Amino acid sequence: SLSGSVSTAAVPSYTDEEEYGRWFAGLDGRDYDKLYSLIAEGIPARFRRQVWMECTGALDKPVNYVDCSSSRREEIELDLPRTTVATRNSSYDDLALASLRYVLYGYVAASPGTGYCQGMNKIAYGLLSAGLGASDALAMLQAVLDGGVLPEDMFRSPMVGLQADQLVLDELVARKLPLLSEHLRAKLGSTASLAPVTVSWFLSLFVDCLPEQHRLRVWDMLFAHGYAVIFQACLGILELCQDALMQCTTPTEIYTLLQNVRDVVRHVDVDEFVECAFGHMPTRQRCRPSVDMRMIEEIRHQVWPPSASGH
């Protein structure tokens, strides 16, 4: 059930005990270099809750639940049915919806400066479907959205930071995938952007575009390393789609392919996908994405605000 927490207290078998020791030696001793190396290999599902909450600081943030205002509730209720469509989960039952409602109501009440934004429902869904109970998912959502992982202004109107970072991504594509960038500029126009598609990748943290197991591996990295991982994952997705994109001859073909990128990625092995996005790092020491916040800030200053002639 999505409303139940993953327990890490069950008595493990001998094999599980060894695995438990590998992970929680890093957590208990705060040996983050060792922990990050393990995270690059993928967090076992039974440990995800504790590792995610430790890495984001959610373990240290007790949740004091307060219900939200009626106007906010109306916004959220409109989005709840859309969650099942966006996540391709038609079996989402009343209990699961109640957990999702609890998380979103609680977040909006606790973060009135941010309010509610489309995309939050998908992130909350992703946390619940990973096995977190509703209270833990709420603590994680607060930790992730309120500056612990994502920029504090990412979901705040008028979302200037989000707009700027679509231009940052375009520039990163030009630097990291120059042949693809040239092709996209030729077909979309010199000032065209991937933003019509990639905004939803950012706002949903890839719930919109990646199969669940691929997304969970991205989240493992994201919650450990922070916001720069989103850009790295976007580049990985685009690299996987590069051959198909190079065959597209019209903007419609390009955007349609990217809107259906899940159907491309689901044919790629999860480890191969991670290798594509983060594989420049040594196999056992994949501890830092090659796209870091210093690079992102540098590009941000170059491209924002956009000039009248384009960026």
Protein backbone atom coordinates (compact mmCIF):
# COMPACT_ATOMS: atom_id res chain seq x y z
CA SER A 1 0.00 0.00 0.00
CA LEU A 2 1.21 3.49 -0.79
CA SER A 3 0.13 4.64 2.66
CA GLY A 4 2.52 2.28 4.46
CA SER A 5 6.10 3.14 5.40
CA VAL A 6 9.03 0.97 4.42
CA SER A 7 10.41 -0.54 7.62
CA THR A 8 14.16 -0.81 8.00
CA ALA A 9 13.81 -2.51 11.39
CA ALA A 10 12.89 -6.01 10.17
CA VAL A 11 15.36 -8.75 11.16
CA PRO A 12 17.43 -9.31 7.99
CA SER A 13 18.86 -12.57 6.69
CA TYR A 14 22.63 -12.94 6.79
CA THR A 15 22.93 -11.64 3.24
CA ASP A 16 20.64 -8.72 4.03
CA GLU A 17 22.61 -8.04 7.19
CA GLU A 18 25.78 -7.58 5.17
CA GLU A 19 23.94 -5.29 2.77
CA TYR A 20 22.45 -3.36 5.69
CA GLY A 21 25.92 -2.90 7.13
CA ARG A 22 27.31 -1.48 3.89
CA TRP A 23 24.61 1.18 3.73
CA PHE A 24 24.13 2.16 7.31
CA ALA A 25 27.81 2.32 8.17
CA GLY A 26 27.79 5.28 5.80
CA LEU A 27 24.61 6.74 7.28
CA ASP A 28 25.36 6.19 10.97
CA GLY A 29 28.96 7.32 10.64
CA ARG A 30 28.09 10.12 8.20
CA ASP A 31 30.70 8.67 5.83
CA TYR A 32 29.21 10.45 2.86
CA ASP A 33 31.98 9.65 0.38
CA LYS A 34 31.32 5.95 0.91
CA LEU A 35 27.58 6.52 0.90
CA TYR A 36 27.64 8.49 -2.37
CA SER A 37 29.65 5.75 -4.05
CA LEU A 38 26.96 3.24 -3.04
CA ILE A 39 24.17 5.57 -4.14
CA ALA A 40 25.61 5.68 -7.65
CA GLU A 41 24.99 1.93 -7.85
CA GLY A 42 21.35 2.39 -6.82
CA ILE A 43 19.75 2.31 -3.38
CA PRO A 44 18.02 -0.99 -2.51
CA ALA A 45 14.28 -0.35 -2.34
CA ARG A 46 14.09 -1.36 1.33
CA PHE A 47 16.65 1.30 2.29
CA ARG A 48 15.44 4.16 0.11
CA ARG A 49 13.22 5.83 2.68
CA GLN A 50 15.97 6.21 5.28
CA VAL A 51 18.73 7.11 2.82
CA TRP A 52 16.60 9.72 1.05
CA MET A 53 15.42 11.26 4.31
CA GLU A 54 18.93 11.33 5.73
CA CYS A 55 20.46 12.90 2.61
CA THR A 56 17.78 15.62 2.33
CA GLY A 57 17.53 16.41 6.03
CA ALA A 58 13.91 15.25 6.16
CA LEU A 59 14.71 12.95 9.11
CA ASP A 60 15.49 16.01 11.20
CA LYS A 61 12.29 17.88 10.28
CA PRO A 62 9.31 16.68 12.33
CA VAL A 63 6.01 17.26 10.57
CA ASN A 64 3.38 19.32 12.36
CA TYR A 65 0.35 18.72 10.18
CA VAL A 66 -1.96 21.65 9.50
CA ASP A 67 -4.83 21.54 7.01
CA CYS A 68 -4.84 24.06 4.15
CA SER A 69 -7.43 26.65 3.18
CA SER A 70 -10.51 25.76 1.14
CA SER A 71 -9.28 27.69 -1.92
CA ARG A 72 -6.02 25.71 -1.95
CA ARG A 73 -7.97 22.49 -1.50
CA GLU A 74 -9.97 23.24 -4.64
CA GLU A 75 -6.75 23.63 -6.67
CA ILE A 76 -5.40 20.35 -5.35
CA GLU A 77 -8.65 18.44 -5.86
CA LEU A 78 -8.66 19.47 -9.53
CA ASP A 79 -5.22 17.92 -9.94
CA LEU A 80 -5.74 14.66 -8.06
CA PRO A 81 -7.54 12.85 -10.93
CA ARG A 82 -4.89 14.11 -13.36
CA THR A 83 -2.19 12.38 -11.34
CA THR A 84 -3.36 8.94 -12.43
CA VAL A 85 -3.27 10.02 -16.08
CA ALA A 86 0.14 11.70 -15.88
CA THR A 87 1.72 8.76 -14.08
CA ARG A 88 -0.04 6.12 -16.18
CA ASN A 89 -1.37 4.48 -13.02
CA SER A 90 -5.06 3.76 -13.53
CA SER A 91 -5.18 1.54 -10.43
CA TYR A 92 -4.65 4.39 -7.97
CA ASP A 93 -7.24 3.60 -5.28
CA ASP A 94 -9.09 5.70 -2.71
CA LEU A 95 -6.56 4.95 0.03
CA ALA A 96 -3.68 6.05 -2.18
CA LEU A 97 -5.55 9.22 -3.16
CA ALA A 98 -6.17 9.93 0.53
CA SER A 99 -2.41 9.70 1.18
CA LEU A 100 -1.70 12.00 -1.77
CA ARG A 101 -4.30 14.46 -0.52
CA TYR A 102 -2.77 14.41 2.98
CA VAL A 103 0.70 15.19 1.63
CA LEU A 104 -0.41 18.04 -0.64
CA TYR A 105 -2.78 19.66 1.87
CA GLY A 106 -0.06 19.47 4.51
CA TYR A 107 2.65 20.91 2.28
CA VAL A 108 0.57 23.87 1.09
CA ALA A 109 -0.49 24.73 4.65
CA ALA A 110 3.10 24.57 5.90
CA SER A 111 4.53 26.57 2.96
CA PRO A 112 2.08 29.43 2.29
CA GLY A 113 4.78 31.45 0.53
CA THR A 114 4.97 28.81 -2.17
CA GLY A 115 1.38 27.62 -2.33
CA TYR A 116 0.37 24.89 -4.75
CA CYS A 117 1.75 24.33 -8.23
CA GLN A 118 1.12 21.63 -10.81
CA GLY A 119 3.97 19.19 -10.56
CA MET A 120 3.85 18.91 -6.79
CA ASN A 121 1.18 16.23 -7.11
CA LYS A 122 3.49 14.15 -9.28
CA ILE A 123 6.47 14.48 -6.93
CA ALA A 124 4.25 13.54 -3.98
CA TYR A 125 2.96 10.57 -5.97
CA GLY A 126 6.53 9.49 -6.70
CA LEU A 127 7.46 9.60 -3.02
CA LEU A 128 4.40 7.59 -1.99
CA SER A 129 4.86 5.03 -4.75
CA ALA A 130 8.47 4.53 -3.59
CA GLY A 131 7.08 3.20 -0.31
CA LEU A 132 7.14 6.24 1.96
CA GLY A 133 4.23 6.66 4.32
CA ALA A 134 2.21 9.85 4.06
CA SER A 135 3.97 11.61 6.97
CA ASP A 136 7.42 10.72 5.62
CA ALA A 137 6.41 11.79 2.12
CA LEU A 138 5.25 15.14 3.50
CA ALA A 139 8.55 15.63 5.34
CA MET A 140 10.43 14.76 2.15
CA LEU A 141 8.33 17.10 0.02
CA GLN A 142 9.06 19.96 2.41
CA ALA A 143 12.77 19.16 2.45
CA VAL A 144 12.99 18.88 -1.35
CA LEU A 145 10.89 21.90 -2.34
CA ASP A 146 11.86 24.37 0.37
CA GLY A 147 15.52 24.81 -0.50
CA GLY A 148 16.97 21.50 0.66
CA VAL A 149 17.27 20.10 -2.87
CA LEU A 150 15.54 22.44 -5.32
CA PRO A 151 15.87 26.24 -5.42
CA GLU A 152 13.31 27.83 -3.09
CA ASP A 153 11.82 29.92 -5.90
CA MET A 154 11.37 27.05 -8.36
CA PHE A 155 7.66 26.63 -7.62
CA ARG A 156 6.94 30.24 -6.64
CA SER A 157 5.16 32.53 -9.08
CA PRO A 158 6.30 33.92 -11.49
CA MET A 159 8.80 31.03 -11.61
CA VAL A 160 11.63 33.17 -12.94
CA GLY A 161 14.23 30.66 -11.79
CA LEU A 162 12.52 27.85 -13.68
CA GLN A 163 12.36 29.96 -16.84
CA ALA A 164 16.02 30.88 -16.54
CA ASP A 165 17.08 27.29 -16.09
CA GLN A 166 15.43 26.21 -19.33
CA LEU A 167 17.86 28.59 -21.04
CA VAL A 168 20.67 27.14 -18.92
CA LEU A 169 19.72 23.67 -20.16
CA ASP A 170 19.72 24.87 -23.77
CA GLU A 171 23.25 26.21 -23.27
CA LEU A 172 24.38 22.97 -21.63
CA VAL A 173 23.06 21.04 -24.62
CA ALA A 174 25.12 23.34 -26.86
CA ARG A 175 28.25 22.61 -24.80
CA LYS A 176 27.79 18.91 -24.09
CA LEU A 177 25.86 17.73 -27.18
CA PRO A 178 26.96 20.18 -29.89
CA LEU A 179 25.81 18.15 -32.91
CA LEU A 180 22.34 17.74 -31.44
CA SER A 181 22.23 21.42 -30.50
CA GLU A 182 23.10 22.48 -34.05
CA HIS A 183 20.41 20.20 -35.45
CA LEU A 184 17.78 21.53 -33.03
CA ARG A 185 18.67 25.13 -33.86
CA ALA A 186 18.40 24.36 -37.56
CA LYS A 187 14.95 22.81 -37.17
CA LEU A 188 13.50 24.90 -34.31
CA GLY A 189 15.14 28.25 -35.07
CA SER A 190 18.15 29.89 -33.46
CA THR A 191 16.21 31.22 -30.47
CA ALA A 192 13.95 28.20 -30.00
CA SER A 193 14.12 26.26 -26.76
CA LEU A 194 13.40 22.78 -25.46
CA ALA A 195 11.37 24.44 -22.70
CA PRO A 196 7.92 23.45 -24.06
CA VAL A 197 8.86 19.90 -23.07
CA THR A 198 11.56 20.21 -20.42
CA VAL A 199 9.62 22.48 -18.04
CA SER A 200 7.52 19.46 -17.10
CA TRP A 201 10.67 17.38 -16.59
CA PHE A 202 11.84 19.90 -13.99
CA LEU A 203 8.45 20.43 -12.32
CA SER A 204 7.65 16.72 -12.00
CA LEU A 205 11.25 15.64 -11.31
CA PHE A 206 10.91 13.28 -14.29
CA VAL A 207 7.71 11.56 -13.13
CA ASP A 208 6.26 12.83 -16.42
CA CYS A 209 8.91 11.34 -18.66
CA LEU A 210 10.84 8.44 -17.15
CA PRO A 211 9.81 4.87 -16.32
CA GLU A 212 9.66 4.37 -12.56
CA GLN A 213 12.88 2.40 -12.08
CA HIS A 214 14.89 4.87 -14.18
CA ARG A 215 13.39 7.80 -12.27
CA LEU A 216 14.15 6.24 -8.89
CA ARG A 217 17.82 6.02 -9.82
CA VAL A 218 17.80 9.69 -10.80
CA TRP A 219 16.12 10.55 -7.51
CA ASP A 220 18.79 8.56 -5.64
CA MET A 221 21.40 10.87 -7.16
CA LEU A 222 19.26 14.01 -6.90
CA PHE A 223 18.55 13.68 -3.19
CA ALA A 224 22.24 13.02 -2.49
CA HIS A 225 23.83 15.63 -4.76
CA GLY A 226 21.20 18.28 -5.31
CA TYR A 227 19.74 20.35 -8.11
CA ALA A 228 22.57 19.98 -10.64
CA VAL A 229 21.58 16.33 -11.10
CA ILE A 230 18.41 17.45 -12.92
CA PHE A 231 20.50 19.02 -15.68
CA GLN A 232 22.75 15.96 -15.86
CA ALA A 233 19.72 13.66 -16.18
CA CYS A 234 18.21 15.87 -18.90
CA LEU A 235 21.45 15.61 -20.86
CA GLY A 236 21.41 11.84 -20.42
CA ILE A 237 17.86 11.61 -21.76
CA LEU A 238 18.71 13.80 -24.74
CA GLU A 239 21.84 11.79 -25.49
CA LEU A 240 19.80 8.58 -25.52
CA CYS A 241 17.35 10.22 -27.92
CA GLN A 242 20.00 11.92 -30.03
CA ASP A 243 19.94 9.50 -32.99
CA ALA A 244 16.14 9.65 -33.20
CA LEU A 245 16.12 13.44 -32.81
CA MET A 246 18.67 13.83 -35.60
CA GLN A 247 16.17 12.12 -37.91
CA CYS A 248 13.41 14.62 -37.06
CA THR A 249 12.86 17.27 -39.72
CA THR A 250 10.11 19.44 -38.20
CA PRO A 251 9.47 21.07 -34.81
CA THR A 252 6.36 18.91 -34.42
CA GLU A 253 8.39 15.73 -34.84
CA ILE A 254 11.00 16.92 -32.33
CA TYR A 255 8.53 17.94 -29.64
CA THR A 256 6.38 14.84 -30.15
CA LEU A 257 9.39 12.58 -29.70
CA LEU A 258 10.45 14.39 -26.52
CA GLN A 259 6.91 14.32 -25.13
CA ASN A 260 7.00 10.54 -25.52
CA VAL A 261 10.54 10.03 -24.30
CA ARG A 262 9.36 7.44 -21.76
CA ASP A 263 8.73 5.07 -24.67
CA VAL A 264 12.35 5.47 -25.79
CA VAL A 265 13.92 5.15 -22.34
CA ARG A 266 11.89 2.12 -21.24
CA HIS A 267 13.78 0.03 -23.79
CA VAL A 268 17.10 1.03 -22.19
CA ASP A 269 18.45 -1.00 -19.26
CA VAL A 270 18.36 1.00 -16.02
CA ASP A 271 22.10 0.66 -15.39
CA GLU A 272 22.81 1.65 -18.99
CA PHE A 273 20.65 4.74 -18.53
CA VAL A 274 22.52 5.71 -15.36
CA GLU A 275 25.81 5.12 -17.16
CA CYS A 276 24.69 7.44 -19.95
CA ALA A 277 23.70 10.21 -17.55
CA PHE A 278 26.49 9.81 -14.98
CA GLY A 279 28.92 7.36 -16.55
CA HIS A 280 31.81 9.77 -16.95
CA MET A 281 32.45 9.15 -13.26
CA PRO A 282 34.63 6.18 -12.23
CA THR A 283 32.49 3.09 -11.69
CA ARG A 284 32.98 2.91 -7.92
CA GLN A 285 33.40 6.60 -7.26
CA ARG A 286 30.54 8.29 -9.09
CA CYS A 287 30.22 10.92 -6.42
CA ARG A 288 29.91 14.22 -8.26
CA PRO A 289 27.96 15.14 -11.42
CA SER A 290 30.03 16.84 -14.12
CA VAL A 291 27.42 19.60 -14.25
CA ASP A 292 27.76 21.44 -10.96
CA MET A 293 26.09 24.48 -9.43
CA ARG A 294 29.06 26.72 -10.20
CA MET A 295 28.66 25.95 -13.91
CA ILE A 296 24.90 26.46 -13.70
CA GLU A 297 25.27 29.83 -11.96
CA GLU A 298 27.87 30.94 -14.50
CA ILE A 299 25.57 30.12 -17.41
CA ARG A 300 22.59 31.67 -15.64
CA HIS A 301 24.40 35.00 -15.49
CA GLN A 302 25.11 34.74 -19.22
CA VAL A 303 21.60 33.89 -20.41
CA TRP A 304 19.27 35.63 -17.94
CA PRO A 305 17.54 37.94 -18.43
CA PRO A 306 17.33 37.06 -22.12
CA SER A 307 18.25 39.81 -24.55
CA ALA A 308 15.81 41.03 -27.17
CA SER A 309 17.89 39.30 -29.84
CA GLY A 310 17.82 35.93 -28.06
CA HIS A 311 20.41 34.18 -25.91
